[in-house]
N, C-alpha and C. Protein backbone atom coordinates (compact mmCIF):
# COMPACT_ATOMS: atom_id res chain seq x y z
N MET A 1 84.95 143.16 151.32
CA MET A 1 84.42 144.06 150.30
C MET A 1 84.30 143.29 148.98
N SER A 2 83.10 143.29 148.40
CA SER A 2 82.86 142.53 147.18
C SER A 2 83.41 143.27 145.98
N LEU A 3 83.77 142.48 144.96
CA LEU A 3 84.27 143.04 143.73
C LEU A 3 83.14 143.73 142.97
N LYS A 4 83.46 144.82 142.32
CA LYS A 4 82.47 145.56 141.57
C LYS A 4 82.16 144.83 140.27
N ALA A 5 80.86 144.61 139.98
CA ALA A 5 80.44 143.93 138.76
C ALA A 5 80.74 144.79 137.54
N LYS A 6 81.02 144.10 136.42
CA LYS A 6 81.29 144.81 135.18
C LYS A 6 80.02 144.89 134.36
N PHE A 7 79.70 146.08 133.85
CA PHE A 7 78.49 146.29 133.06
C PHE A 7 78.86 146.62 131.63
N CYS A 8 77.99 146.17 130.70
CA CYS A 8 78.17 146.53 129.29
C CYS A 8 77.83 148.01 129.12
N ALA A 9 78.70 148.74 128.45
CA ALA A 9 78.49 150.17 128.26
C ALA A 9 77.32 150.46 127.32
N VAL A 10 76.87 149.45 126.56
CA VAL A 10 75.78 149.66 125.60
C VAL A 10 74.44 149.24 126.18
N CYS A 11 74.33 148.00 126.67
CA CYS A 11 73.04 147.48 127.13
C CYS A 11 72.91 147.39 128.64
N GLY A 12 74.01 147.56 129.37
CA GLY A 12 73.96 147.50 130.82
C GLY A 12 74.05 146.10 131.39
N ARG A 13 74.18 145.11 130.54
CA ARG A 13 74.25 143.73 131.01
C ARG A 13 75.53 143.53 131.82
N GLU A 14 75.43 142.70 132.89
CA GLU A 14 76.59 142.41 133.72
C GLU A 14 76.92 140.92 133.69
N ASN A 15 78.10 140.59 134.14
CA ASN A 15 78.56 139.20 134.23
C ASN A 15 78.46 138.48 132.88
N SER A 16 78.79 139.15 131.84
CA SER A 16 78.80 138.56 130.50
C SER A 16 80.24 138.45 130.03
N ARG A 17 80.42 138.06 128.79
CA ARG A 17 81.74 138.06 128.17
C ARG A 17 81.89 139.41 127.47
N PHE A 18 83.08 140.01 127.61
CA PHE A 18 83.24 141.39 127.15
C PHE A 18 84.38 141.52 126.14
N ILE A 19 84.19 142.45 125.22
CA ILE A 19 85.25 142.97 124.35
C ILE A 19 85.43 144.42 124.77
N GLY A 20 86.46 144.69 125.54
CA GLY A 20 86.60 146.02 126.11
C GLY A 20 85.48 146.28 127.10
N SER A 21 84.70 147.35 126.87
CA SER A 21 83.58 147.69 127.76
C SER A 21 82.24 147.23 127.19
N THR A 22 82.27 146.43 126.10
CA THR A 22 81.04 146.00 125.42
C THR A 22 80.89 144.49 125.53
N CYS A 23 79.70 144.03 125.84
CA CYS A 23 79.44 142.59 125.89
C CYS A 23 79.49 142.02 124.47
N VAL A 24 79.72 140.71 124.38
CA VAL A 24 79.89 140.09 123.05
C VAL A 24 78.63 140.20 122.22
N ASP A 25 77.45 140.21 122.85
CA ASP A 25 76.20 140.33 122.09
C ASP A 25 76.10 141.69 121.41
N CYS A 26 76.44 142.74 122.12
CA CYS A 26 76.41 144.08 121.53
C CYS A 26 77.52 144.25 120.51
N TYR A 27 78.67 143.63 120.79
CA TYR A 27 79.78 143.68 119.83
C TYR A 27 79.38 143.00 118.52
N PHE A 28 78.66 141.89 118.64
CA PHE A 28 78.21 141.16 117.45
C PHE A 28 77.29 142.03 116.59
N LYS A 29 76.43 142.82 117.23
CA LYS A 29 75.48 143.66 116.48
C LYS A 29 76.18 144.74 115.66
N THR A 30 77.40 145.06 116.02
CA THR A 30 78.12 146.12 115.30
C THR A 30 79.08 145.58 114.24
N LEU A 31 79.13 144.25 114.09
CA LEU A 31 80.11 143.65 113.19
C LEU A 31 79.86 144.01 111.74
N GLN A 32 80.94 144.27 111.02
CA GLN A 32 80.90 144.46 109.58
C GLN A 32 81.75 143.34 108.97
N ILE A 33 81.09 142.37 108.36
CA ILE A 33 81.79 141.24 107.76
C ILE A 33 81.75 141.40 106.25
N ASP A 34 82.92 141.53 105.66
CA ASP A 34 83.01 141.76 104.21
C ASP A 34 83.01 140.44 103.46
N LEU A 35 82.03 140.33 102.52
CA LEU A 35 81.93 139.16 101.66
C LEU A 35 81.98 139.61 100.20
N PRO A 36 82.51 138.76 99.31
CA PRO A 36 82.43 139.11 97.89
C PRO A 36 80.98 139.11 97.43
N LYS A 37 80.66 139.96 96.48
CA LYS A 37 79.29 140.05 95.98
C LYS A 37 78.90 138.78 95.24
N SER A 38 79.83 138.22 94.47
CA SER A 38 79.52 137.03 93.69
C SER A 38 80.76 136.16 93.53
N ILE A 39 80.54 134.86 93.31
CA ILE A 39 81.61 133.90 93.05
C ILE A 39 81.17 133.01 91.90
N VAL A 40 82.07 132.78 90.96
CA VAL A 40 81.78 131.92 89.82
C VAL A 40 82.79 130.77 89.81
N ILE A 41 82.29 129.54 89.68
CA ILE A 41 83.16 128.40 89.44
C ILE A 41 82.76 127.78 88.10
N TYR A 42 83.72 127.09 87.49
CA TYR A 42 83.48 126.53 86.17
C TYR A 42 83.50 125.00 86.26
N ALA A 43 82.51 124.36 85.64
CA ALA A 43 82.41 122.90 85.64
C ALA A 43 82.46 122.39 84.21
N CYS A 44 83.31 121.39 83.98
CA CYS A 44 83.44 120.80 82.64
C CYS A 44 82.22 119.91 82.38
N PRO A 45 81.47 120.15 81.31
CA PRO A 45 80.29 119.34 81.02
C PRO A 45 80.64 117.93 80.54
N VAL A 46 81.92 117.70 80.22
CA VAL A 46 82.33 116.38 79.72
C VAL A 46 82.71 115.45 80.86
N CYS A 47 83.62 115.92 81.73
CA CYS A 47 84.15 115.04 82.79
C CYS A 47 83.78 115.49 84.20
N ASP A 48 83.10 116.64 84.32
CA ASP A 48 82.67 117.19 85.61
C ASP A 48 83.83 117.70 86.46
N ALA A 49 85.00 117.92 85.84
CA ALA A 49 86.08 118.59 86.56
C ALA A 49 85.64 120.02 86.89
N VAL A 50 86.21 120.58 87.95
CA VAL A 50 85.82 121.90 88.42
C VAL A 50 87.03 122.83 88.41
N LYS A 51 86.83 124.04 87.91
CA LYS A 51 87.88 125.05 87.92
C LYS A 51 87.57 126.06 89.01
N SER A 52 88.48 126.15 89.96
CA SER A 52 88.31 127.07 91.09
C SER A 52 89.65 127.74 91.37
N GLU A 53 89.62 129.06 91.57
CA GLU A 53 90.84 129.82 91.82
C GLU A 53 91.87 129.60 90.71
N GLY A 54 91.38 129.43 89.48
CA GLY A 54 92.27 129.31 88.33
C GLY A 54 92.82 127.92 88.08
N LEU A 55 92.45 126.92 88.90
CA LEU A 55 92.98 125.57 88.74
C LEU A 55 91.85 124.57 88.50
N TRP A 56 92.14 123.58 87.64
CA TRP A 56 91.18 122.50 87.39
C TRP A 56 91.41 121.37 88.37
N HIS A 57 90.31 120.84 88.90
CA HIS A 57 90.37 119.72 89.85
C HIS A 57 89.66 118.54 89.20
N ASN A 58 90.43 117.45 88.92
CA ASN A 58 89.88 116.33 88.17
C ASN A 58 89.05 115.36 88.99
N ALA A 59 89.19 115.40 90.30
CA ALA A 59 88.36 114.56 91.18
C ALA A 59 87.59 115.49 92.10
N PRO A 60 86.58 116.17 91.55
CA PRO A 60 85.97 117.27 92.29
C PRO A 60 85.14 116.85 93.50
N GLU A 61 85.15 117.72 94.47
CA GLU A 61 84.23 117.62 95.59
C GLU A 61 82.89 118.21 95.14
N PRO A 62 81.85 118.17 95.97
CA PRO A 62 80.61 118.86 95.61
C PRO A 62 80.87 120.33 95.31
N HIS A 63 80.08 120.91 94.40
CA HIS A 63 80.29 122.30 94.01
C HIS A 63 80.28 123.24 95.20
N SER A 64 79.45 122.94 96.19
CA SER A 64 79.36 123.81 97.36
C SER A 64 80.70 123.92 98.08
N ALA A 65 81.52 122.85 98.02
CA ALA A 65 82.83 122.88 98.69
C ALA A 65 83.75 123.92 98.06
N TYR A 66 83.66 124.08 96.74
CA TYR A 66 84.51 125.06 96.07
C TYR A 66 84.03 126.49 96.32
N PHE A 67 82.72 126.67 96.44
CA PHE A 67 82.20 127.98 96.83
C PHE A 67 82.70 128.34 98.23
N ILE A 68 82.64 127.38 99.13
CA ILE A 68 83.07 127.63 100.52
C ILE A 68 84.55 127.96 100.57
N GLN A 69 85.38 127.22 99.80
CA GLN A 69 86.82 127.51 99.77
C GLN A 69 87.09 128.94 99.31
N SER A 70 86.35 129.37 98.28
CA SER A 70 86.53 130.73 97.76
C SER A 70 86.09 131.77 98.78
N ILE A 71 84.98 131.51 99.47
CA ILE A 71 84.49 132.45 100.48
C ILE A 71 85.50 132.59 101.62
N VAL A 72 86.05 131.45 102.07
CA VAL A 72 87.02 131.49 103.17
C VAL A 72 88.23 132.33 102.79
N LYS A 73 88.71 132.19 101.55
CA LYS A 73 89.89 132.95 101.12
C LYS A 73 89.62 134.44 101.05
N LYS A 74 88.39 134.81 100.73
CA LYS A 74 88.06 136.22 100.53
C LYS A 74 87.39 136.87 101.74
N LEU A 75 87.05 136.05 102.72
CA LEU A 75 86.35 136.55 103.90
C LEU A 75 87.27 137.39 104.78
N LYS A 76 86.78 138.53 105.21
CA LYS A 76 87.53 139.40 106.11
C LYS A 76 86.76 139.53 107.42
N LEU A 77 87.37 139.04 108.51
CA LEU A 77 86.71 139.08 109.81
C LEU A 77 87.36 140.13 110.70
N PRO A 78 86.55 140.81 111.52
CA PRO A 78 87.10 141.82 112.45
C PRO A 78 87.88 141.16 113.59
N PRO A 79 88.56 141.95 114.40
CA PRO A 79 89.28 141.41 115.55
C PRO A 79 88.34 140.68 116.51
N HIS A 80 88.89 139.70 117.23
CA HIS A 80 88.17 138.93 118.26
C HIS A 80 87.14 137.97 117.67
N VAL A 81 87.09 137.82 116.36
CA VAL A 81 86.09 136.96 115.72
C VAL A 81 86.78 135.79 115.05
N GLU A 82 86.29 134.57 115.30
CA GLU A 82 86.85 133.37 114.69
C GLU A 82 85.77 132.68 113.86
N LEU A 83 86.16 132.19 112.70
CA LEU A 83 85.23 131.47 111.82
C LEU A 83 85.02 130.05 112.33
N GLU A 84 83.77 129.65 112.42
CA GLU A 84 83.43 128.29 112.85
C GLU A 84 82.98 127.42 111.68
N ASP A 85 82.10 127.96 110.83
CA ASP A 85 81.54 127.14 109.76
C ASP A 85 80.89 128.04 108.71
N ILE A 86 80.81 127.52 107.48
CA ILE A 86 80.08 128.19 106.40
C ILE A 86 79.18 127.16 105.73
N GLU A 87 77.94 127.53 105.50
CA GLU A 87 76.99 126.63 104.84
C GLU A 87 76.30 127.38 103.70
N ILE A 88 76.25 126.73 102.53
CA ILE A 88 75.54 127.30 101.39
C ILE A 88 74.07 126.89 101.51
N LEU A 89 73.19 127.86 101.72
CA LEU A 89 71.77 127.56 101.88
C LEU A 89 71.06 127.49 100.54
N GLN A 90 71.55 128.27 99.58
CA GLN A 90 70.92 128.31 98.26
C GLN A 90 71.93 128.82 97.25
N GLN A 91 71.90 128.27 96.02
CA GLN A 91 72.81 128.69 94.97
C GLN A 91 72.05 129.43 93.87
N GLY A 92 72.79 130.24 93.11
CA GLY A 92 72.18 130.99 92.03
C GLY A 92 72.28 132.48 92.27
N LYS A 93 71.46 133.25 91.56
CA LYS A 93 71.52 134.71 91.68
C LYS A 93 71.07 135.17 93.06
N GLU A 94 70.13 134.46 93.66
CA GLU A 94 69.62 134.84 94.98
C GLU A 94 70.10 133.83 96.02
N SER A 95 71.38 133.59 96.04
CA SER A 95 71.96 132.64 96.99
C SER A 95 71.96 133.20 98.40
N GLU A 96 72.03 132.29 99.34
CA GLU A 96 72.18 132.67 100.75
C GLU A 96 73.29 131.84 101.38
N VAL A 97 74.09 132.49 102.18
CA VAL A 97 75.20 131.84 102.86
C VAL A 97 75.08 132.08 104.35
N GLU A 98 75.16 131.00 105.11
CA GLU A 98 75.14 131.12 106.58
C GLU A 98 76.56 130.99 107.10
N ILE A 99 76.99 132.02 107.82
CA ILE A 99 78.34 132.05 108.38
C ILE A 99 78.24 131.95 109.89
N SER A 100 78.87 130.92 110.45
CA SER A 100 78.89 130.75 111.90
C SER A 100 80.24 131.21 112.43
N ILE A 101 80.19 132.06 113.45
CA ILE A 101 81.41 132.62 114.04
C ILE A 101 81.36 132.47 115.54
N SER A 102 82.49 132.69 116.18
CA SER A 102 82.52 132.72 117.65
C SER A 102 83.25 133.98 118.11
N ILE A 103 82.73 134.58 119.17
CA ILE A 103 83.34 135.76 119.78
C ILE A 103 83.57 135.44 121.26
N GLU A 104 84.83 135.37 121.64
CA GLU A 104 85.17 135.00 123.03
C GLU A 104 84.48 133.71 123.46
N GLY A 105 84.38 132.74 122.51
CA GLY A 105 83.81 131.44 122.83
C GLY A 105 82.31 131.33 122.63
N LYS A 106 81.60 132.44 122.39
CA LYS A 106 80.17 132.38 122.17
C LYS A 106 79.88 132.36 120.68
N ARG A 107 79.00 131.46 120.26
CA ARG A 107 78.73 131.23 118.84
C ARG A 107 77.57 132.10 118.35
N PHE A 108 77.75 132.64 117.15
CA PHE A 108 76.71 133.44 116.49
C PHE A 108 76.62 133.00 115.03
N SER A 109 75.48 133.26 114.40
CA SER A 109 75.29 132.94 112.98
C SER A 109 74.75 134.15 112.24
N ILE A 110 75.23 134.29 111.00
CA ILE A 110 74.79 135.39 110.14
C ILE A 110 74.40 134.80 108.79
N VAL A 111 73.26 135.21 108.25
CA VAL A 111 72.84 134.79 106.92
C VAL A 111 72.95 136.00 106.00
N ARG A 112 73.71 135.83 104.91
CA ARG A 112 73.95 136.93 103.99
C ARG A 112 73.61 136.51 102.56
N PRO A 113 73.09 137.43 101.75
CA PRO A 113 72.85 137.14 100.33
C PRO A 113 74.14 137.19 99.53
N MET A 114 74.25 136.32 98.54
CA MET A 114 75.38 136.32 97.62
C MET A 114 74.88 135.83 96.26
N GLU A 115 75.74 135.96 95.26
CA GLU A 115 75.45 135.39 93.95
C GLU A 115 76.49 134.31 93.68
N LEU A 116 76.04 133.06 93.61
CA LEU A 116 76.93 131.92 93.41
C LEU A 116 76.54 131.22 92.11
N TYR A 117 77.45 131.24 91.14
CA TYR A 117 77.14 130.71 89.82
C TYR A 117 78.05 129.55 89.45
N ILE A 118 77.48 128.57 88.73
CA ILE A 118 78.24 127.48 88.12
C ILE A 118 78.09 127.63 86.61
N THR A 119 79.23 127.78 85.92
CA THR A 119 79.22 128.01 84.48
C THR A 119 79.93 126.86 83.77
N ASP A 120 79.34 126.39 82.66
CA ASP A 120 79.97 125.32 81.88
C ASP A 120 81.21 125.84 81.16
N GLN A 121 82.29 125.07 81.23
CA GLN A 121 83.50 125.36 80.48
C GLN A 121 84.27 124.05 80.30
N ILE A 122 84.62 123.74 79.06
CA ILE A 122 85.36 122.51 78.81
C ILE A 122 86.76 122.63 79.41
N CYS A 123 87.17 121.63 80.16
CA CYS A 123 88.47 121.67 80.82
C CYS A 123 89.59 121.54 79.79
N GLU A 124 90.80 121.82 80.21
CA GLU A 124 91.95 121.80 79.30
C GLU A 124 92.16 120.43 78.67
N LEU A 125 92.04 119.37 79.48
CA LEU A 125 92.29 118.03 78.95
C LEU A 125 91.24 117.62 77.92
N ASP A 126 89.96 117.90 78.20
CA ASP A 126 88.92 117.54 77.25
C ASP A 126 88.97 118.42 76.01
N SER A 127 89.43 119.67 76.18
CA SER A 127 89.61 120.53 75.02
C SER A 127 90.71 119.97 74.12
N LYS A 128 91.80 119.51 74.72
CA LYS A 128 92.88 118.88 73.94
C LYS A 128 92.39 117.58 73.30
N ARG A 129 91.62 116.80 74.06
CA ARG A 129 91.11 115.54 73.55
C ARG A 129 90.21 115.77 72.34
N LYS A 130 89.41 116.81 72.40
CA LYS A 130 88.51 117.14 71.30
C LYS A 130 89.30 117.50 70.05
N ARG A 131 90.43 118.20 70.23
CA ARG A 131 91.27 118.63 69.11
C ARG A 131 92.35 117.60 68.77
N GLU A 132 92.41 116.52 69.57
CA GLU A 132 93.48 115.53 69.46
C GLU A 132 94.84 116.22 69.57
N ALA A 133 94.92 117.15 70.49
CA ALA A 133 96.13 117.96 70.66
C ALA A 133 97.02 117.32 71.73
N TYR A 134 97.78 116.32 71.34
CA TYR A 134 98.66 115.64 72.29
C TYR A 134 99.95 116.44 72.47
N GLU A 135 100.60 116.25 73.63
CA GLU A 135 101.88 116.91 73.91
C GLU A 135 103.06 115.96 73.86
N GLY A 136 102.78 114.66 73.97
CA GLY A 136 103.89 113.71 74.00
C GLY A 136 103.49 112.33 73.52
N ILE A 137 104.47 111.59 73.01
CA ILE A 137 104.26 110.20 72.60
C ILE A 137 105.28 109.34 73.34
N LEU A 138 104.78 108.31 73.99
CA LEU A 138 105.65 107.32 74.62
C LEU A 138 105.64 106.08 73.74
N GLN A 139 106.80 105.79 73.14
CA GLN A 139 106.94 104.63 72.26
C GLN A 139 107.52 103.48 73.08
N LEU A 140 106.66 102.60 73.52
CA LEU A 140 107.09 101.46 74.32
C LEU A 140 107.44 100.30 73.39
N ARG A 141 108.64 99.75 73.57
CA ARG A 141 109.11 98.65 72.75
C ARG A 141 109.56 97.51 73.67
N PRO A 142 108.61 96.69 74.14
CA PRO A 142 108.98 95.59 75.03
C PRO A 142 109.72 94.50 74.26
N LYS A 143 110.48 93.70 74.98
CA LYS A 143 111.26 92.64 74.34
C LYS A 143 110.41 91.42 74.02
N GLY A 144 109.23 91.33 74.66
CA GLY A 144 108.34 90.20 74.41
C GLY A 144 107.02 90.64 73.80
N ASN A 145 105.98 89.88 74.09
CA ASN A 145 104.65 90.16 73.56
C ASN A 145 104.11 91.47 74.13
N VAL A 146 103.63 92.35 73.26
CA VAL A 146 103.19 93.68 73.69
C VAL A 146 101.97 93.59 74.60
N HIS A 147 101.04 92.66 74.32
CA HIS A 147 99.85 92.55 75.15
C HIS A 147 100.19 92.08 76.56
N GLU A 148 101.14 91.16 76.66
CA GLU A 148 101.57 90.70 77.98
C GLU A 148 102.25 91.84 78.75
N PHE A 149 103.03 92.64 78.03
CA PHE A 149 103.68 93.77 78.68
C PHE A 149 102.65 94.79 79.18
N LEU A 150 101.64 95.08 78.37
CA LEU A 150 100.59 96.03 78.78
C LEU A 150 99.83 95.52 80.00
N ASP A 151 99.64 94.19 80.06
CA ASP A 151 98.99 93.60 81.24
C ASP A 151 99.83 93.83 82.49
N LYS A 152 101.17 93.75 82.33
CA LYS A 152 102.07 93.93 83.47
C LYS A 152 102.01 95.36 84.02
N ILE A 153 101.78 96.33 83.13
CA ILE A 153 101.81 97.74 83.55
C ILE A 153 100.40 98.33 83.64
N ALA A 154 99.39 97.46 83.77
CA ALA A 154 97.99 97.93 83.78
C ALA A 154 97.73 98.93 84.90
N ASN A 155 98.31 98.68 86.08
CA ASN A 155 98.07 99.60 87.21
C ASN A 155 98.67 100.97 86.95
N GLU A 156 99.89 101.00 86.38
CA GLU A 156 100.52 102.28 86.07
C GLU A 156 99.73 103.04 85.01
N LEU A 157 99.21 102.32 84.01
CA LEU A 157 98.41 102.96 82.96
C LEU A 157 97.08 103.48 83.51
N LYS A 158 96.50 102.75 84.44
CA LYS A 158 95.23 103.16 85.03
C LYS A 158 95.40 104.49 85.76
N PHE A 159 96.55 104.69 86.39
CA PHE A 159 96.80 105.91 87.16
C PHE A 159 96.85 107.14 86.26
N VAL A 160 97.28 106.98 85.00
CA VAL A 160 97.43 108.12 84.09
C VAL A 160 96.38 108.10 82.97
N ALA A 161 95.36 107.26 83.10
CA ALA A 161 94.40 107.05 82.00
C ALA A 161 93.72 108.33 81.55
N ASP A 162 93.44 109.24 82.47
CA ASP A 162 92.76 110.49 82.11
C ASP A 162 93.59 111.34 81.16
N ASN A 163 94.89 111.12 81.13
CA ASN A 163 95.78 111.93 80.30
C ASN A 163 96.16 111.24 78.99
N ILE A 164 95.65 110.05 78.75
CA ILE A 164 95.97 109.32 77.52
C ILE A 164 94.93 109.63 76.45
N LEU A 165 95.38 110.13 75.31
CA LEU A 165 94.49 110.42 74.19
C LEU A 165 94.16 109.15 73.42
N LYS A 166 95.18 108.36 73.09
CA LYS A 166 94.97 107.12 72.35
C LYS A 166 96.20 106.24 72.46
N MET A 167 96.03 104.96 72.09
CA MET A 167 97.13 104.01 72.08
C MET A 167 97.11 103.30 70.73
N ASP A 168 98.22 103.39 70.02
CA ASP A 168 98.34 102.75 68.71
C ASP A 168 99.35 101.62 68.78
N GLU A 169 98.86 100.40 68.55
CA GLU A 169 99.76 99.25 68.53
C GLU A 169 100.37 99.09 67.14
N ASN A 170 101.62 98.64 67.12
CA ASN A 170 102.29 98.34 65.86
C ASN A 170 103.13 97.09 66.04
N ARG A 171 103.82 96.66 64.99
CA ARG A 171 104.55 95.39 65.08
C ARG A 171 105.73 95.44 66.05
N ASN A 172 106.17 96.66 66.43
CA ASN A 172 107.29 96.80 67.34
C ASN A 172 106.89 97.01 68.80
N GLY A 173 105.64 97.41 69.02
CA GLY A 173 105.19 97.70 70.38
C GLY A 173 103.93 98.53 70.37
N VAL A 174 103.92 99.61 71.16
CA VAL A 174 102.73 100.46 71.25
C VAL A 174 103.17 101.91 71.43
N ASP A 175 102.46 102.81 70.76
CA ASP A 175 102.67 104.25 70.92
C ASP A 175 101.52 104.82 71.73
N ILE A 176 101.84 105.47 72.85
CA ILE A 176 100.83 106.05 73.73
C ILE A 176 100.90 107.57 73.61
N TYR A 177 99.78 108.18 73.22
CA TYR A 177 99.72 109.62 73.02
C TYR A 177 99.17 110.28 74.29
N PHE A 178 99.93 111.24 74.82
CA PHE A 178 99.58 111.89 76.09
C PHE A 178 99.14 113.34 75.85
N LEU A 179 98.11 113.73 76.58
CA LEU A 179 97.65 115.12 76.54
C LEU A 179 98.57 116.04 77.31
N ASP A 180 99.29 115.48 78.28
CA ASP A 180 100.16 116.28 79.14
C ASP A 180 101.51 115.58 79.26
N VAL A 181 102.58 116.27 78.89
CA VAL A 181 103.89 115.64 78.87
C VAL A 181 104.42 115.35 80.27
N THR A 182 104.00 116.13 81.27
CA THR A 182 104.43 115.87 82.65
C THR A 182 103.93 114.52 83.13
N THR A 183 102.69 114.19 82.77
CA THR A 183 102.14 112.88 83.13
C THR A 183 102.89 111.76 82.43
N MET A 184 103.25 111.98 81.18
CA MET A 184 104.02 110.97 80.44
C MET A 184 105.36 110.72 81.14
N ARG A 185 106.05 111.79 81.54
CA ARG A 185 107.34 111.63 82.21
C ARG A 185 107.17 110.89 83.54
N HIS A 186 106.06 111.16 84.23
CA HIS A 186 105.80 110.46 85.49
C HIS A 186 105.65 108.96 85.25
N LEU A 187 104.90 108.59 84.20
CA LEU A 187 104.73 107.17 83.89
C LEU A 187 106.08 106.53 83.57
N VAL A 188 106.91 107.20 82.79
CA VAL A 188 108.23 106.67 82.46
C VAL A 188 109.06 106.43 83.72
N SER A 189 109.02 107.38 84.65
CA SER A 189 109.79 107.21 85.90
C SER A 189 109.30 106.01 86.70
N GLN A 190 107.99 105.74 86.67
CA GLN A 190 107.44 104.58 87.37
C GLN A 190 107.86 103.28 86.68
N LEU A 191 107.83 103.27 85.35
CA LEU A 191 108.19 102.06 84.62
C LEU A 191 109.67 101.74 84.79
N LYS A 192 110.51 102.76 84.89
CA LYS A 192 111.96 102.55 85.04
C LYS A 192 112.30 101.88 86.38
N LYS A 193 111.39 101.94 87.34
CA LYS A 193 111.61 101.27 88.61
C LYS A 193 111.46 99.76 88.47
N ARG A 194 110.72 99.34 87.43
CA ARG A 194 110.42 97.91 87.26
C ARG A 194 111.15 97.27 86.07
N PHE A 195 111.47 98.08 85.07
CA PHE A 195 112.07 97.55 83.86
C PHE A 195 113.31 98.35 83.49
N LYS A 196 114.19 97.71 82.69
CA LYS A 196 115.38 98.39 82.19
C LYS A 196 115.17 98.73 80.72
N PHE A 197 115.39 100.01 80.38
CA PHE A 197 115.13 100.48 79.02
C PHE A 197 116.36 101.17 78.44
N TYR A 198 116.46 101.09 77.12
CA TYR A 198 117.27 102.05 76.37
C TYR A 198 116.35 103.23 76.08
N MET A 199 116.77 104.43 76.44
CA MET A 199 115.90 105.60 76.33
C MET A 199 116.44 106.56 75.27
N LYS A 200 115.53 107.13 74.50
CA LYS A 200 115.87 108.18 73.55
C LYS A 200 114.75 109.22 73.57
N ILE A 201 115.11 110.49 73.79
CA ILE A 201 114.12 111.56 73.88
C ILE A 201 114.36 112.56 72.75
N SER A 202 113.29 112.92 72.06
CA SER A 202 113.38 113.91 71.00
C SER A 202 112.23 114.91 71.15
N ALA A 203 112.44 116.11 70.60
CA ALA A 203 111.44 117.18 70.72
C ALA A 203 111.24 117.84 69.36
N LYS A 204 109.99 118.20 69.07
CA LYS A 204 109.66 118.86 67.81
C LYS A 204 108.81 120.09 68.11
N GLU A 205 109.29 121.25 67.67
CA GLU A 205 108.55 122.49 67.89
C GLU A 205 107.29 122.50 67.03
N TYR A 206 106.15 122.88 67.66
CA TYR A 206 104.90 122.90 66.91
C TYR A 206 104.09 124.18 67.08
N SER A 207 104.43 125.03 68.08
CA SER A 207 103.65 126.24 68.31
C SER A 207 104.47 127.19 69.17
N TRP A 208 103.85 128.33 69.52
CA TRP A 208 104.51 129.33 70.34
C TRP A 208 103.66 129.66 71.55
N ASP A 209 104.28 129.62 72.72
CA ASP A 209 103.60 129.94 73.97
C ASP A 209 103.71 131.44 74.20
N LYS A 210 102.65 132.18 73.88
CA LYS A 210 102.70 133.63 73.99
C LYS A 210 102.90 134.13 75.43
N PRO A 211 102.15 133.60 76.42
CA PRO A 211 102.35 134.09 77.80
C PRO A 211 103.78 133.89 78.31
N LYS A 212 104.39 132.74 77.94
CA LYS A 212 105.75 132.45 78.42
C LYS A 212 106.83 132.87 77.42
N ASN A 213 106.37 133.31 76.22
CA ASN A 213 107.30 133.81 75.19
C ASN A 213 108.39 132.78 74.86
N ARG A 214 107.94 131.57 74.55
CA ARG A 214 108.89 130.52 74.19
C ARG A 214 108.17 129.47 73.33
N PRO A 215 108.93 128.65 72.60
CA PRO A 215 108.29 127.63 71.75
C PRO A 215 107.60 126.54 72.57
N LYS A 216 106.61 125.91 71.94
CA LYS A 216 105.99 124.71 72.49
C LYS A 216 106.54 123.51 71.73
N TYR A 217 106.76 122.41 72.45
CA TYR A 217 107.33 121.23 71.83
C TYR A 217 106.45 120.01 72.09
N LYS A 218 106.41 119.13 71.10
CA LYS A 218 105.87 117.79 71.31
C LYS A 218 107.07 116.88 71.62
N ILE A 219 106.97 116.16 72.73
CA ILE A 219 108.07 115.32 73.18
C ILE A 219 107.79 113.85 72.83
N THR A 220 108.78 113.20 72.27
CA THR A 220 108.68 111.76 72.00
C THR A 220 109.75 111.04 72.80
N ILE A 221 109.30 110.04 73.58
CA ILE A 221 110.23 109.23 74.36
C ILE A 221 110.16 107.79 73.83
N LEU A 222 111.29 107.31 73.33
CA LEU A 222 111.39 105.92 72.91
C LEU A 222 111.98 105.12 74.08
N ALA A 223 111.21 104.13 74.53
CA ALA A 223 111.65 103.27 75.65
C ALA A 223 111.70 101.83 75.15
N ARG A 224 112.92 101.36 74.84
CA ARG A 224 113.10 100.00 74.32
C ARG A 224 113.62 99.12 75.47
N GLU A 225 112.88 98.08 75.80
CA GLU A 225 113.26 97.22 76.91
C GLU A 225 114.55 96.46 76.59
N LYS A 226 115.47 96.43 77.55
CA LYS A 226 116.73 95.72 77.35
C LYS A 226 116.51 94.22 77.43
N GLU A 227 117.36 93.52 76.68
CA GLU A 227 117.29 92.06 76.68
C GLU A 227 117.78 91.50 78.01
């Protein structure tokens, strides 16, 4: 006795892939895929950094990659549906997005309209640079020639160059002004692996952080190389 074939309750198709009593093709036709109406990302006109999901990215991927990341986070798929790929077909007010999905191993594609915008906004670092609003000063005092010392730490300085506002040489060494104090502390930790310093840290209040309800400080680190 042969096994009874299974038929789709909607189209009557048999020997297909099924979700319950419905073949995957008919199931696909009933899908409701929720997408955001619009997505906005911000690009710095000075350095081309990109702000996405509230964070600035200093080594940005193509803008389409940030749109896709935002879509994936906000995309809501029904049961039995897996995301395969997203492609931005067009950007702007009349954008189109192609979403590729699979249902029980069978691939389908959907093209949906969206509004995808790129808006100019100066990033935090370039805004500080424009105002010369530094957060920290690293006072390097090498025991020998300052230029020779800077040559020795060229690789470390290159790694943090985007965060350096300016460098002022003086008869005792060099003062490096940092836009971000965390980056300054990172550089100090790297230099301490190679050199021995007498360290002195001081802080000066200069403003008030309203969101965090606490003072803002400019940090000065004096690093004098030991003999």
